[in-house]
PDB file of N, CA and C in Angstrom:
ATOM      1  N   MET A   1     -30.380  26.173 -25.741  1.00  0.00           N
ATOM      2  CA  MET A   1     -29.768  25.239 -24.818  1.00  0.00           C
ATOM      3  C   MET A   1     -30.765  24.860 -23.731  1.00  0.00           C
ATOM      4  N   GLY A   2     -30.755  23.607 -23.372  1.00  0.00           N
ATOM      5  CA  GLY A   2     -31.631  23.122 -22.317  1.00  0.00           C
ATOM      6  C   GLY A   2     -30.974  23.255 -20.956  1.00  0.00           C
ATOM      7  N   ALA A   3     -31.745  23.010 -19.938  1.00  0.00           N
ATOM      8  CA  ALA A   3     -31.238  23.080 -18.573  1.00  0.00           C
ATOM      9  C   ALA A   3     -30.292  21.917 -18.311  1.00  0.00           C
ATOM     10  N   VAL A   4     -29.240  22.195 -17.618  1.00  0.00           N
ATOM     11  CA  VAL A   4     -28.264  21.162 -17.271  1.00  0.00           C
ATOM     12  C   VAL A   4     -28.609  20.630 -15.893  1.00  0.00           C
ATOM     13  N   GLU A   5     -28.761  19.339 -15.808  1.00  0.00           N
ATOM     14  CA  GLU A   5     -29.098  18.740 -14.520  1.00  0.00           C
ATOM     15  C   GLU A   5     -27.814  18.336 -13.808  1.00  0.00           C
ATOM     16  N   LEU A   6     -27.625  18.861 -12.631  1.00  0.00           N
ATOM     17  CA  LEU A   6     -26.428  18.559 -11.846  1.00  0.00           C
ATOM     18  C   LEU A   6     -26.681  17.343 -10.971  1.00  0.00           C
ATOM     19  N   PRO A   7     -25.639  16.553 -10.709  1.00  0.00           N
ATOM     20  CA  PRO A   7     -25.816  15.392  -9.832  1.00  0.00           C
ATOM     21  C   PRO A   7     -26.112  15.850  -8.409  1.00  0.00           C
ATOM     22  N   ALA A   8     -26.839  15.022  -7.690  1.00  0.00           N
ATOM     23  CA  ALA A   8     -27.174  15.341  -6.299  1.00  0.00           C
ATOM     24  C   ALA A   8     -25.892  15.401  -5.477  1.00  0.00           C
ATOM     25  N   ALA A   9     -25.844  16.304  -4.534  1.00  0.00           N
ATOM     26  CA  ALA A   9     -24.673  16.441  -3.664  1.00  0.00           C
ATOM     27  C   ALA A   9     -24.544  15.224  -2.771  1.00  0.00           C
ATOM     28  N   VAL A  10     -23.334  14.801  -2.582  1.00  0.00           N
ATOM     29  CA  VAL A  10     -23.079  13.660  -1.704  1.00  0.00           C
ATOM     30  C   VAL A  10     -22.802  14.201  -0.310  1.00  0.00           C
ATOM     31  N   SER A  11     -23.577  13.763   0.629  1.00  0.00           N
ATOM     32  CA  SER A  11     -23.430  14.236   2.004  1.00  0.00           C
ATOM     33  C   SER A  11     -22.466  13.348   2.770  1.00  0.00           C
ATOM     34  N   CYS A  12     -21.612  13.944   3.567  1.00  0.00           N
ATOM     35  CA  CYS A  12     -20.702  13.150   4.393  1.00  0.00           C
ATOM     36  C   CYS A  12     -21.435  12.568   5.605  1.00  0.00           C
ATOM     37  N   TYR A  13     -22.714  12.877   5.738  1.00  0.00           N
ATOM     38  CA  TYR A  13     -23.487  12.383   6.866  1.00  0.00           C
ATOM     39  C   TYR A  13     -24.229  11.093   6.538  1.00  0.00           C
ATOM     40  N   SER A  14     -24.140  10.637   5.308  1.00  0.00           N
ATOM     41  CA  SER A  14     -24.881   9.445   4.937  1.00  0.00           C
ATOM     42  C   SER A  14     -23.930   8.345   4.502  1.00  0.00           C
ATOM     43  N   GLY A  15     -24.482   7.203   4.246  1.00  0.00           N
ATOM     44  CA  GLY A  15     -23.677   6.095   3.756  1.00  0.00           C
ATOM     45  C   GLY A  15     -23.281   5.155   4.863  1.00  0.00           C
ATOM     46  N   THR A  16     -22.711   4.060   4.445  1.00  0.00           N
ATOM     47  CA  THR A  16     -22.232   3.082   5.405  1.00  0.00           C
ATOM     48  C   THR A  16     -20.718   3.047   5.339  1.00  0.00           C
ATOM     49  N   GLU A  17     -20.120   2.424   6.306  1.00  0.00           N
ATOM     50  CA  GLU A  17     -18.667   2.414   6.365  1.00  0.00           C
ATOM     51  C   GLU A  17     -18.044   1.672   5.191  1.00  0.00           C
ATOM     52  N   GLY A  18     -18.766   0.766   4.562  1.00  0.00           N
ATOM     53  CA  GLY A  18     -18.219  -0.021   3.481  1.00  0.00           C
ATOM     54  C   GLY A  18     -18.185   0.676   2.134  1.00  0.00           C
ATOM     55  N   ASP A  19     -18.848   1.830   2.002  1.00  0.00           N
ATOM     56  CA  ASP A  19     -18.892   2.469   0.692  1.00  0.00           C
ATOM     57  C   ASP A  19     -17.941   3.651   0.563  1.00  0.00           C
ATOM     58  N   GLY A  20     -16.930   3.714   1.397  1.00  0.00           N
ATOM     59  CA  GLY A  20     -15.955   4.783   1.297  1.00  0.00           C
ATOM     60  C   GLY A  20     -16.251   5.980   2.171  1.00  0.00           C
ATOM     61  N   HIS A  21     -17.453   6.059   2.700  1.00  0.00           N
ATOM     62  CA  HIS A  21     -17.793   7.144   3.620  1.00  0.00           C
ATOM     63  C   HIS A  21     -17.506   6.685   5.042  1.00  0.00           C
ATOM     64  N   MET A  22     -17.336   7.622   5.912  1.00  0.00           N
ATOM     65  CA  MET A  22     -17.068   7.271   7.303  1.00  0.00           C
ATOM     66  C   MET A  22     -18.347   6.890   8.037  1.00  0.00           C
ATOM     67  N   GLY A  23     -19.493   7.083   7.429  1.00  0.00           N
ATOM     68  CA  GLY A  23     -20.742   6.668   8.047  1.00  0.00           C
ATOM     69  C   GLY A  23     -21.073   7.488   9.270  1.00  0.00           C
ATOM     70  N   GLU A  24     -21.362   6.821  10.356  1.00  0.00           N
ATOM     71  CA  GLU A  24     -21.832   7.476  11.571  1.00  0.00           C
ATOM     72  C   GLU A  24     -20.769   8.324  12.246  1.00  0.00           C
ATOM     73  N   ARG A  25     -19.536   8.182  11.896  1.00  0.00           N
ATOM     74  CA  ARG A  25     -18.482   8.949  12.542  1.00  0.00           C
ATOM     75  C   ARG A  25     -18.675  10.452  12.361  1.00  0.00           C
ATOM     76  N   PHE A  26     -19.395  10.883  11.309  1.00  0.00           N
ATOM     77  CA  PHE A  26     -19.573  12.297  11.053  1.00  0.00           C
ATOM     78  C   PHE A  26     -20.871  12.856  11.599  1.00  0.00           C
ATOM     79  N   GLU A  27     -21.701  12.029  12.181  1.00  0.00           N
ATOM     80  CA  GLU A  27     -22.987  12.517  12.668  1.00  0.00           C
ATOM     81  C   GLU A  27     -22.820  13.657  13.666  1.00  0.00           C
ATOM     82  N   ARG A  28     -21.788  13.596  14.498  1.00  0.00           N
ATOM     83  CA  ARG A  28     -21.612  14.615  15.522  1.00  0.00           C
ATOM     84  C   ARG A  28     -20.514  15.600  15.147  1.00  0.00           C
ATOM     85  N   HIS A  29     -20.161  15.683  13.895  1.00  0.00           N
ATOM     86  CA  HIS A  29     -19.070  16.523  13.446  1.00  0.00           C
ATOM     87  C   HIS A  29     -19.249  17.971  13.899  1.00  0.00           C
ATOM     88  N   ARG A  30     -18.282  18.451  14.649  1.00  0.00           N
ATOM     89  CA  ARG A  30     -18.242  19.838  15.134  1.00  0.00           C
ATOM     90  C   ARG A  30     -19.443  20.246  15.973  1.00  0.00           C
ATOM     91  N   GLN A  31     -19.986  19.323  16.725  1.00  0.00           N
ATOM     92  CA  GLN A  31     -21.106  19.643  17.613  1.00  0.00           C
ATOM     93  C   GLN A  31     -20.578  20.310  18.877  1.00  0.00           C
ATOM     94  N   ALA A  32     -21.292  21.289  19.363  1.00  0.00           N
ATOM     95  CA  ALA A  32     -20.915  21.957  20.603  1.00  0.00           C
ATOM     96  C   ALA A  32     -21.032  20.979  21.771  1.00  0.00           C
ATOM     97  N   TRP A  33     -20.187  21.165  22.769  1.00  0.00           N
ATOM     98  CA  TRP A  33     -20.228  20.310  23.957  1.00  0.00           C
ATOM     99  C   TRP A  33     -21.390  20.732  24.841  1.00  0.00           C
ATOM    100  N   ARG A  34     -22.195  19.770  25.248  1.00  0.00           N
ATOM    101  CA  ARG A  34     -23.285  20.032  26.190  1.00  0.00           C
ATOM    102  C   ARG A  34     -22.723  19.960  27.601  1.00  0.00           C
ATOM    103  N   GLN A  35     -23.409  20.574  28.535  1.00  0.00           N
ATOM    104  CA  GLN A  35     -22.943  20.616  29.921  1.00  0.00           C
ATOM    105  C   GLN A  35     -22.836  19.210  30.516  1.00  0.00           C
ATOM    106  N   ASP A  36     -23.779  18.333  30.217  1.00  0.00           N
ATOM    107  CA  ASP A  36     -23.720  16.972  30.765  1.00  0.00           C
ATOM    108  C   ASP A  36     -22.523  16.200  30.218  1.00  0.00           C
ATOM    109  N   GLU A  37     -22.130  16.472  28.965  1.00  0.00           N
ATOM    110  CA  GLU A  37     -20.953  15.825  28.387  1.00  0.00           C
ATOM    111  C   GLU A  37     -19.669  16.317  29.056  1.00  0.00           C
ATOM    112  N   ILE A  38     -19.625  17.596  29.356  1.00  0.00           N
ATOM    113  CA  ILE A  38     -18.451  18.165  30.019  1.00  0.00           C
ATOM    114  C   ILE A  38     -18.303  17.574  31.411  1.00  0.00           C
ATOM    115  N   GLN A  39     -19.408  17.465  32.128  1.00  0.00           N
ATOM    116  CA  GLN A  39     -19.375  16.876  33.470  1.00  0.00           C
ATOM    117  C   GLN A  39     -18.924  15.423  33.415  1.00  0.00           C
ATOM    118  N   ARG A  40     -19.401  14.690  32.413  1.00  0.00           N
ATOM    119  CA  ARG A  40     -19.014  13.288  32.273  1.00  0.00           C
ATOM    120  C   ARG A  40     -17.529  13.174  31.910  1.00  0.00           C
ATOM    121  N   LEU A  41     -17.038  14.064  31.062  1.00  0.00           N
ATOM    122  CA  LEU A  41     -15.617  14.096  30.725  1.00  0.00           C
ATOM    123  C   LEU A  41     -14.776  14.268  31.984  1.00  0.00           C
ATOM    124  N   HIS A  42     -15.154  15.221  32.819  1.00  0.00           N
ATOM    125  CA  HIS A  42     -14.421  15.469  34.060  1.00  0.00           C
ATOM    126  C   HIS A  42     -14.465  14.237  34.967  1.00  0.00           C
ATOM    127  N   ALA A  43     -15.625  13.627  35.097  1.00  0.00           N
ATOM    128  CA  ALA A  43     -15.776  12.453  35.967  1.00  0.00           C
ATOM    129  C   ALA A  43     -14.939  11.276  35.474  1.00  0.00           C
ATOM    130  N   LEU A  44     -14.950  11.039  34.175  1.00  0.00           N
ATOM    131  CA  LEU A  44     -14.185   9.921  33.622  1.00  0.00           C
ATOM    132  C   LEU A  44     -12.680  10.170  33.726  1.00  0.00           C
ATOM    133  N   ALA A  45     -12.274  11.424  33.570  1.00  0.00           N
ATOM    134  CA  ALA A  45     -10.849  11.764  33.707  1.00  0.00           C
ATOM    135  C   ALA A  45     -10.380  11.547  35.138  1.00  0.00           C
ATOM    136  N   VAL A  46     -11.215  11.901  36.108  1.00  0.00           N
ATOM    137  CA  VAL A  46     -10.874  11.706  37.525  1.00  0.00           C
ATOM    138  C   VAL A  46     -10.721  10.220  37.830  1.00  0.00           C
ATOM    139  N   LYS A  47     -11.522   9.387  37.170  1.00  0.00           N
ATOM    140  CA  LYS A  47     -11.426   7.934  37.373  1.00  0.00           C
ATOM    141  C   LYS A  47     -10.158   7.345  36.768  1.00  0.00           C
ATOM    142  N   GLY A  48      -9.444   8.135  35.973  1.00  0.00           N
ATOM    143  CA  GLY A  48      -8.200   7.666  35.383  1.00  0.00           C
ATOM    144  C   GLY A  48      -8.353   6.968  34.050  1.00  0.00           C
ATOM    145  N   MET A  49      -9.455   7.209  33.359  1.00  0.00           N
ATOM    146  CA  MET A  49      -9.679   6.576  32.062  1.00  0.00           C
ATOM    147  C   MET A  49      -8.820   7.234  30.981  1.00  0.00           C
ATOM    148  N   SER A  50      -8.505   6.470  29.947  1.00  0.00           N
ATOM    149  CA  SER A  50      -7.688   6.968  28.841  1.00  0.00           C
ATOM    150  C   SER A  50      -8.520   7.861  27.919  1.00  0.00           C
ATOM    151  N   VAL A  51      -7.831   8.609  27.077  1.00  0.00           N
ATOM    152  CA  VAL A  51      -8.512   9.458  26.094  1.00  0.00           C
ATOM    153  C   VAL A  51      -9.385   8.607  25.190  1.00  0.00           C
ATOM    154  N   ARG A  52      -8.863   7.467  24.764  1.00  0.00           N
ATOM    155  CA  ARG A  52      -9.616   6.587  23.869  1.00  0.00           C
ATOM    156  C   ARG A  52     -10.911   6.108  24.523  1.00  0.00           C
ATOM    157  N   ALA A  53     -10.829   5.694  25.780  1.00  0.00           N
ATOM    158  CA  ALA A  53     -12.006   5.192  26.491  1.00  0.00           C
ATOM    159  C   ALA A  53     -13.032   6.310  26.710  1.00  0.00           C
ATOM    160  N   ILE A  54     -12.554   7.490  27.045  1.00  0.00           N
ATOM    161  CA  ILE A  54     -13.453   8.629  27.259  1.00  0.00           C
ATOM    162  C   ILE A  54     -14.131   9.000  25.942  1.00  0.00           C
ATOM    163  N   ALA A  55     -13.363   9.028  24.861  1.00  0.00           N
ATOM    164  CA  ALA A  55     -13.917   9.365  23.548  1.00  0.00           C
ATOM    165  C   ALA A  55     -15.005   8.377  23.156  1.00  0.00           C
ATOM    166  N   LYS A  56     -14.762   7.109  23.404  1.00  0.00           N
ATOM    167  CA  LYS A  56     -15.751   6.092  23.056  1.00  0.00           C
ATOM    168  C   LYS A  56     -17.010   6.254  23.914  1.00  0.00           C
ATOM    169  N   ALA A  57     -16.832   6.524  25.207  1.00  0.00           N
ATOM    170  CA  ALA A  57     -17.967   6.686  26.113  1.00  0.00           C
ATOM    171  C   ALA A  57     -18.823   7.897  25.738  1.00  0.00           C
ATOM    172  N   LEU A  58     -18.175   8.936  25.225  1.00  0.00           N
ATOM    173  CA  LEU A  58     -18.891  10.167  24.871  1.00  0.00           C
ATOM    174  C   LEU A  58     -19.276  10.235  23.394  1.00  0.00           C
ATOM    175  N   THR A  59     -18.917   9.218  22.632  1.00  0.00           N
ATOM    176  CA  THR A  59     -19.083   9.198  21.172  1.00  0.00           C
ATOM    177  C   THR A  59     -18.543  10.487  20.543  1.00  0.00           C
ATOM    178  N   ARG A  60     -17.314  10.779  20.904  1.00  0.00           N
ATOM    179  CA  ARG A  60     -16.570  11.921  20.384  1.00  0.00           C
ATOM    180  C   ARG A  60     -15.222  11.416  19.881  1.00  0.00           C
ATOM    181  N   SER A  61     -14.557  12.209  19.092  1.00  0.00           N
ATOM    182  CA  SER A  61     -13.226  11.825  18.625  1.00  0.00           C
ATOM    183  C   SER A  61     -12.220  12.044  19.755  1.00  0.00           C
ATOM    184  N   GLU A  62     -11.105  11.320  19.672  1.00  0.00           N
ATOM    185  CA  GLU A  62     -10.053  11.491  20.674  1.00  0.00           C
ATOM    186  C   GLU A  62      -9.529  12.925  20.637  1.00  0.00           C
ATOM    187  N   GLU A  63      -9.413  13.483  19.446  1.00  0.00           N
ATOM    188  CA  GLU A  63      -8.932  14.855  19.308  1.00  0.00           C
ATOM    189  C   GLU A  63      -9.883  15.842  19.992  1.00  0.00           C
ATOM    190  N   SER A  64     -11.168  15.629  19.825  1.00  0.00           N
ATOM    191  CA  SER A  64     -12.159  16.497  20.451  1.00  0.00           C
ATOM    192  C   SER A  64     -12.070  16.417  21.975  1.00  0.00           C
ATOM    193  N   VAL A  65     -11.909  15.202  22.483  1.00  0.00           N
ATOM    194  CA  VAL A  65     -11.802  15.014  23.932  1.00  0.00           C
ATOM    195  C   VAL A  65     -10.535  15.694  24.456  1.00  0.00           C
ATOM    196  N   ARG A  66      -9.415  15.511  23.742  1.00  0.00           N
ATOM    197  CA  ARG A  66      -8.157  16.157  24.167  1.00  0.00           C
ATOM    198  C   ARG A  66      -8.296  17.682  24.180  1.00  0.00           C
ATOM    199  N   ASP A  67      -8.906  18.222  23.123  1.00  0.00           N
ATOM    200  CA  ASP A  67      -9.074  19.677  23.024  1.00  0.00           C
ATOM    201  C   ASP A  67      -9.935  20.216  24.163  1.00  0.00           C
ATOM    202  N   ARG A  68     -11.041  19.519  24.465  1.00  0.00           N
ATOM    203  CA  ARG A  68     -11.935  19.986  25.526  1.00  0.00           C
ATOM    204  C   ARG A  68     -11.258  19.868  26.883  1.00  0.00           C
ATOM    205  N   ALA A  69     -10.527  18.785  27.108  1.00  0.00           N
ATOM    206  CA  ALA A  69      -9.820  18.607  28.378  1.00  0.00           C
ATOM    207  C   ALA A  69      -8.775  19.705  28.557  1.00  0.00           C
ATOM    208  N   LYS A  70      -8.091  20.053  27.496  1.00  0.00           N
ATOM    209  CA  LYS A  70      -7.087  21.113  27.565  1.00  0.00           C
ATOM    210  C   LYS A  70      -7.750  22.456  27.875  1.00  0.00           C
ATOM    211  N   LEU A  71      -8.874  22.705  27.227  1.00  0.00           N
ATOM    212  CA  LEU A  71      -9.619  23.944  27.446  1.00  0.00           C
ATOM    213  C   LEU A  71     -10.063  24.068  28.906  1.00  0.00           C
ATOM    214  N   ASP A  72     -10.505  22.944  29.483  1.00  0.00           N
ATOM    215  CA  ASP A  72     -10.986  22.929  30.868  1.00  0.00           C
ATOM    216  C   ASP A  72      -9.878  22.659  31.881  1.00  0.00           C
ATOM    217  N   ARG A  73      -8.650  22.499  31.390  1.00  0.00           N
ATOM    218  CA  ARG A  73      -7.496  22.188  32.250  1.00  0.00           C
ATOM    219  C   ARG A  73      -7.720  20.906  33.052  1.00  0.00           C
ATOM    220  N   VAL A  74      -8.235  19.896  32.359  1.00  0.00           N
ATOM    221  CA  VAL A  74      -8.467  18.584  32.968  1.00  0.00           C
ATOM    222  C   VAL A  74      -7.335  17.675  32.522  1.00  0.00           C
ATOM    223  N   ARG A  75      -6.724  17.017  33.476  1.00  0.00           N
ATOM    224  CA  ARG A  75      -5.617  16.113  33.155  1.00  0.00           C
ATOM    225  C   ARG A  75      -6.163  14.699  32.925  1.00  0.00           C
ATOM    226  N   ILE A  76      -5.818  14.144  31.758  1.00  0.00           N
ATOM    227  CA  ILE A  76      -6.233  12.788  31.417  1.00  0.00           C
ATOM    228  C   ILE A  76      -4.996  11.901  31.486  1.00  0.00           C
ATOM    229  N   SER A  77      -5.120  10.796  32.204  1.00  0.00           N
ATOM    230  CA  SER A  77      -3.974   9.916  32.389  1.00  0.00           C
ATOM    231  C   SER A  77      -3.596   9.255  31.080  1.00  0.00           C
ATOM    232  N   LYS A  78      -2.296   9.003  30.930  1.00  0.00           N
ATOM    233  CA  LYS A  78      -1.784   8.310  29.764  1.00  0.00           C
ATOM    234  C   LYS A  78      -1.478   6.884  30.156  1.00  0.00           C
ATOM    235  N   LEU A  79      -2.160   5.950  29.512  1.00  0.00           N
ATOM    236  CA  LEU A  79      -1.926   4.541  29.812  1.00  0.00           C
ATOM    237  C   LEU A  79      -0.702   4.068  29.038  1.00  0.00           C
ATOM    238  N   ARG A  80       0.154   3.324  29.719  1.00  0.00           N
ATOM    239  CA  ARG A  80       1.381   2.836  29.075  1.00  0.00           C
ATOM    240  C   ARG A  80       1.388   1.365  29.000  1.00  0.00           C
TER     241      ARG A  80
END
């Protein structure tokens, strides 16, 4: 029997948004929060920005921003 060649692994870190992958959205997947990001989160929350706006400014997911704010006991305003 000869060697079996396996297909190359598909990375969730590559690709464009049009080919079924999320593209750049995974570049920061599960990255630890840096001190400057935490300070910016606190500053933006004090200004009354929404979770969505803060997430976009920090290039983080809304869930990540909510989790970090909860951990730091930072209140983020809810826009209605």
